[in-house]
N, C-alpha and C. Protein backbone atom coordinates (compact mmCIF):
# COMPACT_ATOMS: atom_id res chain seq x y z
N MET A 1 81.58 114.41 137.72
CA MET A 1 83.22 114.54 136.57
C MET A 1 83.40 115.56 136.32
N SER A 2 84.63 115.99 135.51
CA SER A 2 85.43 117.15 135.35
C SER A 2 84.88 117.28 134.03
N ASP A 3 85.19 118.58 133.61
CA ASP A 3 84.46 119.73 132.35
C ASP A 3 85.18 118.64 130.98
N ARG A 4 86.19 117.78 130.97
CA ARG A 4 86.09 116.85 130.11
C ARG A 4 84.42 116.23 129.81
N PRO A 5 85.22 116.25 128.15
CA PRO A 5 83.45 115.32 127.60
C PRO A 5 83.16 113.78 127.71
N ILE A 6 82.23 113.91 127.92
CA ILE A 6 81.96 111.86 127.23
C ILE A 6 82.09 111.89 125.77
N PHE A 7 82.57 111.70 124.67
CA PHE A 7 82.42 110.63 123.94
C PHE A 7 81.81 109.71 123.72
N ILE A 8 80.63 109.50 122.72
CA ILE A 8 79.63 108.92 122.44
C ILE A 8 79.82 108.71 120.97
N ILE A 9 80.23 107.07 120.61
CA ILE A 9 80.17 107.22 119.29
C ILE A 9 78.79 106.10 119.27
N SER A 10 78.64 106.20 117.76
CA SER A 10 77.40 106.00 116.78
C SER A 10 78.28 105.33 115.89
N GLY A 11 77.74 104.05 116.26
CA GLY A 11 78.87 102.57 115.79
C GLY A 11 78.19 102.28 114.35
N THR A 12 77.86 102.77 113.67
CA THR A 12 77.73 102.94 112.04
C THR A 12 77.32 103.75 110.95
N ASN A 13 77.90 103.04 109.90
CA ASN A 13 77.77 103.53 109.10
C ASN A 13 77.33 103.90 108.27
N ARG A 14 75.61 103.07 108.85
CA ARG A 14 74.64 103.12 107.42
C ARG A 14 73.99 104.87 108.10
N PRO A 15 73.23 105.08 106.79
CA PRO A 15 72.43 106.14 106.74
C PRO A 15 71.54 106.19 107.90
N ASN A 16 71.24 107.76 108.79
CA ASN A 16 69.86 107.28 109.00
C ASN A 16 69.50 106.20 110.00
N SER A 17 70.49 106.14 110.96
CA SER A 17 70.26 104.39 111.46
C SER A 17 69.51 104.59 112.77
N ASN A 18 69.04 103.55 113.66
CA ASN A 18 68.71 103.73 114.68
C ASN A 18 69.65 103.42 115.38
N THR A 19 70.67 103.23 115.65
CA THR A 19 71.82 103.86 116.28
C THR A 19 71.52 105.35 116.90
N LEU A 20 72.29 105.92 114.83
CA LEU A 20 72.45 107.00 115.74
C LEU A 20 71.87 107.53 116.96
N ARG A 21 70.02 107.69 116.02
CA ARG A 21 68.58 107.99 117.27
C ARG A 21 68.89 108.01 118.48
N VAL A 22 69.62 106.13 119.17
CA VAL A 22 69.74 106.28 120.49
C VAL A 22 71.12 106.68 120.90
N ALA A 23 72.08 106.97 119.67
CA ALA A 23 72.79 107.95 119.90
C ALA A 23 72.62 109.46 121.67
N ARG A 24 71.70 109.62 120.22
CA ARG A 24 71.86 111.03 120.22
C ARG A 24 70.39 110.91 121.66
N VAL A 25 69.66 110.21 122.03
CA VAL A 25 69.08 109.58 123.14
C VAL A 25 70.25 109.95 124.25
N VAL A 26 71.04 109.60 124.16
CA VAL A 26 72.41 109.54 125.29
C VAL A 26 72.90 110.48 125.61
N GLN A 27 73.10 111.18 124.79
CA GLN A 27 73.32 112.96 124.72
C GLN A 27 72.49 113.17 125.06
N GLN A 28 71.56 113.23 124.85
CA GLN A 28 70.16 114.16 126.02
C GLN A 28 70.55 114.12 126.64
N HIS A 29 70.39 112.36 127.64
CA HIS A 29 70.48 112.10 129.27
C HIS A 29 71.23 113.04 129.42
N TYR A 30 72.29 112.68 128.86
CA TYR A 30 74.26 113.90 129.19
C TYR A 30 73.47 115.46 129.72
N ALA A 31 73.21 115.68 128.73
CA ALA A 31 72.28 117.05 128.42
C ALA A 31 71.61 117.81 129.76
N SER A 32 70.79 116.47 129.63
CA SER A 32 69.52 117.21 130.89
C SER A 32 70.04 116.94 132.48
N GLN A 33 71.75 116.10 132.60
CA GLN A 33 71.54 116.88 134.11
C GLN A 33 73.77 117.78 133.19
N ASN A 34 73.22 118.67 133.07
CA ASN A 34 74.79 119.31 132.48
C ASN A 34 75.95 118.75 132.02
N LEU A 35 75.82 117.85 131.84
CA LEU A 35 77.47 117.65 131.99
C LEU A 35 78.32 116.71 130.20
N PRO A 36 79.21 117.70 130.09
CA PRO A 36 79.50 118.03 128.77
C PRO A 36 79.41 116.32 128.10
N ALA A 37 79.10 116.38 126.59
CA ALA A 37 79.05 115.04 125.64
C ALA A 37 78.74 115.22 124.11
N ASP A 38 80.52 115.08 123.57
CA ASP A 38 80.92 115.37 122.29
C ASP A 38 80.39 114.19 121.57
N LEU A 39 79.71 114.06 120.99
CA LEU A 39 79.11 113.01 119.55
C LEU A 39 78.68 112.43 118.47
N PHE A 40 80.20 111.87 118.43
CA PHE A 40 80.76 111.46 116.29
C PHE A 40 79.95 110.03 116.16
N ASP A 41 79.59 110.72 115.36
CA ASP A 41 78.84 109.31 114.20
C ASP A 41 80.21 108.80 113.09
N VAL A 42 80.10 107.54 112.50
CA VAL A 42 81.44 107.29 112.25
C VAL A 42 80.70 107.45 110.56
N THR A 43 79.87 108.07 109.83
CA THR A 43 79.25 108.50 108.80
C THR A 43 80.20 109.87 108.61
N ASP A 44 80.51 110.04 109.47
CA ASP A 44 81.30 111.02 109.59
C ASP A 44 82.92 111.27 109.23
N LEU A 45 83.97 110.20 109.44
CA LEU A 45 85.13 109.62 108.47
C LEU A 45 85.37 109.83 107.69
N PRO A 46 86.36 111.38 107.75
CA PRO A 46 86.63 111.27 106.72
C PRO A 46 87.11 110.85 105.88
N PRO A 47 86.08 110.71 103.79
CA PRO A 47 86.70 109.93 103.13
C PRO A 47 88.31 109.57 102.86
N GLU A 48 89.42 110.59 103.11
CA GLU A 48 90.39 110.35 103.39
C GLU A 48 91.09 109.41 104.32
N VAL A 49 90.23 108.95 105.45
CA VAL A 49 91.31 107.28 106.01
C VAL A 49 90.68 106.53 105.23
N PHE A 50 89.60 105.98 103.58
CA PHE A 50 90.00 104.39 103.32
C PHE A 50 90.81 105.07 102.37
N SER A 51 91.86 105.86 102.27
CA SER A 51 92.36 105.37 101.43
C SER A 51 94.90 104.96 102.14
N PRO A 52 95.25 103.26 101.91
CA PRO A 52 95.95 103.21 102.34
C PRO A 52 97.31 103.63 103.38
N SER A 53 97.48 104.99 102.79
CA SER A 53 98.45 105.88 102.49
C SER A 53 97.90 105.94 104.30
N VAL A 54 96.52 106.17 104.89
CA VAL A 54 96.59 106.64 106.35
C VAL A 54 97.70 106.42 107.04
N TYR A 55 97.52 104.90 107.35
CA TYR A 55 98.41 104.45 108.44
C TYR A 55 99.49 105.06 108.67
N ALA A 56 100.40 105.04 107.43
CA ALA A 56 101.95 105.92 107.52
C ALA A 56 101.30 107.73 107.85
N GLY A 57 99.88 108.42 107.84
CA GLY A 57 99.80 109.53 108.63
C GLY A 57 98.54 110.10 107.93
N LYS A 58 98.14 110.70 109.34
CA LYS A 58 96.15 110.71 109.08
C LYS A 58 96.05 112.46 108.19
N PRO A 59 95.07 112.07 107.55
CA PRO A 59 94.59 113.11 107.48
C PRO A 59 94.03 114.02 108.48
N PRO A 60 94.29 115.68 108.65
CA PRO A 60 93.56 116.26 109.61
C PRO A 60 92.22 115.96 109.97
N ALA A 61 91.80 115.98 109.18
CA ALA A 61 90.16 116.20 109.68
C ALA A 61 90.15 114.99 110.59
N PHE A 62 90.78 113.82 110.42
CA PHE A 62 91.12 112.54 111.54
C PHE A 62 91.52 112.87 112.44
N VAL A 63 93.27 113.75 112.20
CA VAL A 63 93.56 114.32 113.51
C VAL A 63 92.47 115.09 114.88
N GLU A 64 91.89 115.62 113.95
CA GLU A 64 90.89 116.50 114.79
C GLU A 64 89.67 115.50 115.52
N VAL A 65 89.96 114.52 115.33
CA VAL A 65 88.16 113.51 115.68
C VAL A 65 89.59 112.79 117.40
N GLN A 66 91.11 112.99 116.63
CA GLN A 66 91.32 111.96 117.84
C GLN A 66 92.00 112.29 118.70
N ARG A 67 92.54 114.02 118.18
CA ARG A 67 92.51 114.07 120.00
C ARG A 67 90.63 114.69 120.36
N ARG A 68 89.89 114.87 119.94
CA ARG A 68 88.71 114.29 120.58
C ARG A 68 88.12 112.91 121.99
N VAL A 69 89.08 111.72 121.06
CA VAL A 69 88.95 110.93 121.48
C VAL A 69 90.10 110.97 123.00
N LEU A 70 91.41 111.12 122.78
CA LEU A 70 92.85 111.32 123.79
C LEU A 70 91.77 112.62 125.13
N ASP A 71 90.60 113.22 124.78
CA ASP A 71 90.20 114.78 125.58
C ASP A 71 89.41 113.65 126.18
N ALA A 72 89.15 112.68 126.08
CA ALA A 72 87.25 112.72 126.91
C ALA A 72 87.79 112.12 127.81
N ALA A 73 87.20 112.42 128.50
CA ALA A 73 87.26 111.43 130.20
C ALA A 73 86.33 110.47 130.46
N GLY A 74 85.71 109.49 128.99
CA GLY A 74 85.12 108.15 128.74
C GLY A 74 85.07 108.29 127.43
N ILE A 75 84.68 107.37 127.38
CA ILE A 75 84.17 106.97 125.83
C ILE A 75 82.49 105.84 125.52
N HIS A 76 81.61 106.30 125.41
CA HIS A 76 80.13 105.56 125.26
C HIS A 76 80.04 105.36 123.63
N ILE A 77 80.42 104.37 123.85
CA ILE A 77 79.24 103.49 122.79
C ILE A 77 78.38 102.59 122.39
N VAL A 78 77.45 103.17 120.96
CA VAL A 78 75.99 102.61 121.18
C VAL A 78 76.37 102.55 119.31
N LEU A 79 76.57 101.28 119.53
CA LEU A 79 76.37 100.57 118.39
C LEU A 79 75.61 99.03 118.04
N PRO A 80 75.13 98.55 117.04
CA PRO A 80 74.35 97.80 116.37
C PRO A 80 75.06 96.23 116.84
N GLU A 81 73.95 95.56 115.81
CA GLU A 81 74.60 94.12 115.81
C GLU A 81 74.66 93.85 114.18
N TYR A 82 75.65 93.76 113.74
CA TYR A 82 75.37 93.23 112.48
C TYR A 82 75.93 91.59 111.82
N ASN A 83 75.28 91.07 111.50
CA ASN A 83 75.73 89.38 111.50
C ASN A 83 76.86 88.80 112.36
N GLY A 84 76.19 89.23 113.75
CA GLY A 84 76.31 88.42 114.60
C GLY A 84 77.81 89.40 115.22
N SER A 85 78.23 89.80 115.25
CA SER A 85 79.40 91.29 115.53
C SER A 85 79.36 92.51 115.75
N PHE A 86 79.50 93.71 115.51
CA PHE A 86 80.18 94.98 115.55
C PHE A 86 80.31 94.71 114.39
N PRO A 87 79.61 96.07 113.68
CA PRO A 87 80.24 96.84 112.77
C PRO A 87 81.47 96.78 112.34
N GLY A 88 81.76 95.87 110.95
CA GLY A 88 83.32 96.60 110.34
C GLY A 88 84.16 97.72 111.01
N ILE A 89 83.28 98.77 109.87
CA ILE A 89 83.53 100.47 110.12
C ILE A 89 83.81 100.92 111.40
N LEU A 90 83.26 100.20 112.98
CA LEU A 90 83.62 100.73 113.83
C LEU A 90 84.78 99.55 114.20
N LYS A 91 85.50 98.61 113.82
CA LYS A 91 87.08 98.10 114.06
C LYS A 91 87.13 99.35 113.52
N TYR A 92 87.30 99.54 112.58
CA TYR A 92 88.17 100.12 111.65
C TYR A 92 88.75 101.82 112.30
N PHE A 93 87.34 102.60 112.40
CA PHE A 93 87.50 103.98 113.49
C PHE A 93 89.04 103.23 114.25
N ILE A 94 88.60 101.97 115.25
CA ILE A 94 89.09 101.88 116.07
C ILE A 94 90.76 102.08 116.26
N ASP A 95 91.26 100.95 114.93
CA ASP A 95 92.24 101.06 114.29
C ASP A 95 92.82 101.79 114.34
N LEU A 96 92.25 102.66 113.52
CA LEU A 96 92.90 104.11 113.55
C LEU A 96 93.35 105.15 114.31
N LEU A 97 92.61 104.78 115.46
CA LEU A 97 93.23 105.64 116.24
C LEU A 97 94.54 104.68 117.11
N LYS A 98 95.40 105.95 117.86
CA LYS A 98 96.77 106.14 118.00
C LYS A 98 96.99 105.09 119.39
N PHE A 99 97.72 104.17 119.35
CA PHE A 99 97.68 103.09 120.30
C PHE A 99 99.63 103.28 121.01
N PRO A 100 99.21 103.08 122.31
CA PRO A 100 97.65 102.47 123.13
C PRO A 100 97.00 103.34 123.79
N GLU A 101 96.99 105.11 123.40
CA GLU A 101 97.12 105.90 124.47
C GLU A 101 95.65 106.21 124.30
N SER A 102 94.92 105.81 122.94
CA SER A 102 93.38 105.79 122.57
C SER A 102 92.15 105.28 123.94
N PHE A 103 93.16 104.89 123.99
CA PHE A 103 91.47 103.97 125.81
C PHE A 103 92.67 102.88 126.73
N ASP A 104 94.05 103.88 126.24
CA ASP A 104 94.52 102.93 128.18
C ASP A 104 94.27 103.48 128.84
N ARG A 105 93.77 102.49 129.56
CA ARG A 105 92.86 103.16 131.86
C ARG A 105 91.58 104.09 131.32
N LYS A 106 91.62 104.54 129.54
CA LYS A 106 89.94 104.93 129.39
C LYS A 106 89.02 104.24 129.93
N PRO A 107 87.81 104.88 130.50
CA PRO A 107 86.85 104.44 131.12
C PRO A 107 85.41 104.06 130.02
N VAL A 108 84.94 103.47 129.77
CA VAL A 108 84.14 102.99 128.08
C VAL A 108 82.99 102.20 128.66
N ALA A 109 81.58 102.50 128.14
CA ALA A 109 80.45 101.66 127.98
C ALA A 109 79.90 101.75 126.88
N PHE A 110 78.54 101.40 127.36
CA PHE A 110 78.24 100.19 125.49
C PHE A 110 77.08 99.73 125.29
N VAL A 111 76.22 100.45 125.04
CA VAL A 111 74.61 100.37 124.81
C VAL A 111 74.31 99.84 123.09
N GLY A 112 73.71 98.36 123.67
CA GLY A 112 74.16 97.07 121.86
C GLY A 112 72.32 97.60 121.52
N LEU A 113 72.33 97.20 120.11
CA LEU A 113 71.03 97.43 119.38
C LEU A 113 70.44 96.15 118.94
N ALA A 114 69.42 95.69 118.05
CA ALA A 114 69.96 94.95 116.86
C ALA A 114 67.18 95.04 116.96
N ASN A 115 67.45 95.04 115.89
CA ASN A 115 66.14 94.77 115.72
C ASN A 115 65.20 92.79 116.18
N GLY A 116 66.94 92.26 116.29
CA GLY A 116 66.40 90.66 116.67
C GLY A 116 66.04 91.14 118.19
N MET A 117 66.50 89.26 119.31
CA MET A 117 65.95 89.59 120.54
C MET A 117 67.05 90.18 121.33
N PHE A 118 67.84 89.95 121.27
CA PHE A 118 68.82 90.00 121.95
C PHE A 118 69.60 91.74 122.27
N GLY A 119 69.75 91.95 121.34
CA GLY A 119 69.82 93.16 122.29
C GLY A 119 70.72 93.66 122.12
N ALA A 120 71.89 93.03 120.34
CA ALA A 120 73.35 93.27 120.64
C ALA A 120 73.96 92.42 120.97
N LEU A 121 73.53 91.70 122.48
CA LEU A 121 74.41 91.05 123.59
C LEU A 121 75.58 90.73 122.90
N ARG A 122 76.11 89.78 121.72
CA ARG A 122 77.29 89.51 121.15
C ARG A 122 77.99 90.26 120.61
N ALA A 123 77.29 91.27 119.67
CA ALA A 123 78.18 92.46 119.79
C ALA A 123 78.57 93.39 121.04
N VAL A 124 78.31 93.61 122.03
CA VAL A 124 79.10 94.15 122.57
C VAL A 124 79.85 93.30 122.95
N GLU A 125 80.05 91.92 123.92
CA GLU A 125 80.25 91.52 124.48
C GLU A 125 82.31 91.43 123.39
N GLN A 126 81.85 90.82 122.33
CA GLN A 126 82.94 90.85 120.72
C GLN A 126 83.52 92.66 121.56
N LEU A 127 82.65 93.51 121.47
CA LEU A 127 83.55 94.67 120.94
C LEU A 127 83.95 94.87 122.59
N GLN A 128 84.02 94.13 123.53
CA GLN A 128 84.34 94.65 124.77
C GLN A 128 85.32 93.62 125.13
N MET A 129 85.89 92.49 124.14
CA MET A 129 87.00 91.82 124.18
C MET A 129 88.42 92.81 123.76
N VAL A 130 87.67 93.44 122.41
CA VAL A 130 88.84 94.56 122.15
C VAL A 130 89.08 95.58 123.72
N PHE A 131 88.08 96.57 123.42
CA PHE A 131 88.38 97.25 124.19
C PHE A 131 89.35 96.52 125.78
N ALA A 132 89.26 95.28 126.21
CA ALA A 132 90.28 94.59 127.27
C ALA A 132 91.28 95.44 126.50
N TYR A 133 91.02 94.37 125.32
CA TYR A 133 92.41 94.32 124.86
C TYR A 133 93.46 96.23 125.05
N ARG A 134 93.06 96.56 124.95
CA ARG A 134 93.09 98.50 124.70
C ARG A 134 93.39 98.26 125.93
N ASN A 135 93.86 98.28 127.22
CA ASN A 135 93.61 97.84 128.52
C ASN A 135 92.42 99.00 129.17
N ALA A 136 91.08 99.09 128.39
CA ALA A 136 90.03 100.40 129.34
C ALA A 136 89.27 100.49 130.05
N HIS A 137 88.60 100.44 130.82
CA HIS A 137 88.06 100.84 131.85
C HIS A 137 86.62 100.39 131.41
N VAL A 138 86.52 98.92 132.02
CA VAL A 138 84.87 98.74 130.77
C VAL A 138 84.02 99.18 132.20
N TYR A 139 82.57 99.78 131.86
CA TYR A 139 82.02 100.35 133.01
C TYR A 139 80.59 98.94 132.80
N PRO A 140 79.88 97.81 133.68
CA PRO A 140 80.15 97.44 133.29
C PRO A 140 78.13 97.39 133.32
N ASP A 141 77.56 98.49 133.68
CA ASP A 141 76.16 98.75 133.71
C ASP A 141 75.80 98.98 132.30
N ARG A 142 75.33 98.54 131.37
CA ARG A 142 75.50 97.47 129.23
C ARG A 142 73.82 97.12 129.41
N VAL A 143 73.60 97.86 128.60
CA VAL A 143 72.14 98.69 127.87
C VAL A 143 71.96 98.36 126.85
N PHE A 144 71.02 97.16 126.41
CA PHE A 144 70.60 95.96 125.86
C PHE A 144 70.05 96.75 125.47
N ILE A 145 68.96 96.76 123.49
CA ILE A 145 67.69 97.26 123.41
C ILE A 145 67.40 96.29 122.56
N PRO A 146 66.32 95.33 122.82
CA PRO A 146 65.95 94.09 121.22
C PRO A 146 65.23 95.07 121.06
N ALA A 147 64.95 95.04 120.04
CA ALA A 147 63.66 95.36 118.44
C ALA A 147 63.35 96.61 118.10
N VAL A 148 64.68 97.36 118.39
CA VAL A 148 64.25 98.66 118.80
C VAL A 148 63.81 99.67 117.37
N ARG A 149 63.64 99.07 116.26
CA ARG A 149 63.03 99.21 115.55
C ARG A 149 61.21 99.43 116.05
N ASP A 150 60.76 98.38 117.22
CA ASP A 150 59.79 99.22 117.80
C ASP A 150 59.48 100.30 119.11
N LYS A 151 60.62 100.54 119.90
CA LYS A 151 60.62 101.46 120.44
C LYS A 151 61.50 102.55 120.50
N LEU A 152 61.52 103.41 119.23
CA LEU A 152 61.89 104.82 118.43
C LEU A 152 60.19 104.93 117.38
N ASP A 153 59.96 106.89 118.11
CA ASP A 153 59.12 106.95 117.34
C ASP A 153 59.65 107.37 115.77
N ALA A 154 58.62 108.52 114.85
CA ALA A 154 58.95 108.91 114.19
C ALA A 154 60.20 110.32 114.44
N GLN A 155 60.39 110.55 115.49
CA GLN A 155 61.45 110.98 115.82
C GLN A 155 62.59 110.96 115.83
N GLY A 156 62.78 109.62 116.33
CA GLY A 156 64.32 109.01 116.53
C GLY A 156 63.70 109.15 118.53
N LEU A 157 62.20 109.98 119.33
CA LEU A 157 62.60 109.07 121.06
C LEU A 157 62.56 108.04 121.15
N LEU A 158 62.69 106.95 122.11
CA LEU A 158 62.21 106.24 122.99
C LEU A 158 60.42 106.07 123.27
N THR A 159 59.90 104.57 122.70
CA THR A 159 58.23 104.87 123.01
C THR A 159 58.48 104.18 124.47
N ASP A 160 59.71 103.23 125.47
CA ASP A 160 59.11 102.72 126.18
C ASP A 160 60.84 103.27 127.52
N ASN A 161 59.68 103.85 128.26
CA ASN A 161 60.07 104.61 129.70
C ASN A 161 61.01 103.98 130.09
N ALA A 162 61.21 102.32 130.94
CA ALA A 162 61.96 102.17 131.42
C ALA A 162 63.40 101.58 130.87
N LEU A 163 62.70 101.46 129.21
CA LEU A 163 64.90 101.49 129.13
C LEU A 163 64.79 103.06 128.89
N ASP A 164 64.39 103.27 128.32
CA ASP A 164 64.34 105.64 129.02
C ASP A 164 65.45 105.66 129.79
N GLU A 165 65.05 105.05 130.93
CA GLU A 165 65.54 105.17 132.81
C GLU A 165 67.12 104.41 132.38
N ARG A 166 66.56 103.16 132.07
CA ARG A 166 68.02 102.65 132.07
C ARG A 166 68.59 102.81 131.27
N LEU A 167 68.48 104.00 130.64
CA LEU A 167 70.53 104.97 129.80
C LEU A 167 70.13 106.16 130.73
N ASN A 168 69.22 106.16 131.37
CA ASN A 168 69.60 107.56 132.24
C ASN A 168 70.23 107.64 132.40
N ARG A 169 70.17 106.04 133.75
CA ARG A 169 71.26 105.59 135.00
C ARG A 169 72.61 104.72 134.31
N GLN A 170 72.42 104.64 133.37
CA GLN A 170 73.36 104.31 132.64
C GLN A 170 74.71 105.50 132.48
N VAL A 171 73.54 106.69 132.34
CA VAL A 171 74.56 107.55 132.04
C VAL A 171 74.96 107.78 132.98
N ARG A 172 74.18 108.55 134.61
CA ARG A 172 74.99 109.27 135.36
C ARG A 172 75.84 108.72 135.73
N GLY A 173 75.66 106.84 136.21
CA GLY A 173 76.70 106.21 136.83
C GLY A 173 78.23 106.40 135.62
N PHE A 174 78.34 106.18 134.47
CA PHE A 174 79.23 106.23 133.84
C PHE A 174 80.17 107.40 134.06
N ALA A 175 78.77 108.52 134.36
CA ALA A 175 79.40 109.96 134.26
C ALA A 175 80.53 109.71 135.41
N ALA A 176 80.02 109.12 136.87
CA ALA A 176 80.74 109.05 138.03
C ALA A 176 81.65 108.81 137.63
N PHE A 177 81.84 107.18 137.02
CA PHE A 177 82.52 106.26 136.60
C PHE A 177 83.97 106.96 136.01
N ALA A 178 83.12 107.30 135.01
CA ALA A 178 84.82 108.24 134.03
C ALA A 178 85.08 108.93 135.15
N GLY A 179 83.99 109.82 135.99
CA GLY A 179 85.03 111.21 136.74
C GLY A 179 86.00 109.84 137.84
N ALA A 180 85.96 109.37 138.37
CA ALA A 180 86.41 108.54 139.22
C ALA A 180 87.63 108.46 138.79
N LEU A 181 87.93 107.85 137.19
CA LEU A 181 88.93 106.96 136.56
C LEU A 181 90.09 108.03 136.15
N ALA A 182 89.14 108.45 135.60
CA ALA A 182 89.59 109.82 133.75
C ALA A 182 90.72 110.41 134.54
N PRO A 183 91.98 110.45 133.86
CA PRO A 183 93.29 110.99 134.21
C PRO A 183 93.60 112.55 134.02
N ALA A 184 94.66 113.07 134.36
CA ALA A 184 94.03 114.83 134.04
C ALA A 184 94.23 114.94 132.97
N ARG A 185 93.40 115.92 132.06
CA ARG A 185 93.85 116.34 130.68
C ARG A 185 94.85 116.44 130.10
N PRO A 186 95.47 115.61 129.56
CA PRO A 186 96.79 115.74 129.24
C PRO A 186 96.94 117.09 128.23
N GLY A 187 98.44 117.82 128.76
CA GLY A 187 99.27 118.52 127.77
C GLY A 187 98.65 119.76 128.45
């Protein structure tokens, strides 16, 4: 993989979410392999992006987030399932990003989590359709985490070693996938 980071998105704005905890686990797997990764939590969206004027011009804080997306070798999304789909805030974030260049030919990987038994399968599949529309290269090795609250300890670490190894394997595979597909750094 190149020196360009993987952009990890924690796809909910729920404070202290299990999604953010799992995204940090994913980030640690990149770090343990000396691979650059940049974690973005959608709770950090600047409040100005919720003004209707944002479609005419992005606030400076969001311009910086946009740059991070464009500079990334790939996007690794960790998302929960809310009401049978992915969170609206995640779709809003995607809609704010430049079209088509933010995801066109950009490698993308998914981790889904839920308190239910399917681990956000529906949410991931629906989000894959959005990224397919945006011409992203979808990495086929998805990880689903059912009953997530039972798989994290008080420090946010995974207690399921097999699941942790699946995430580690996904990170290694996605880094190679992104390295093979990512175009040269713009500019």
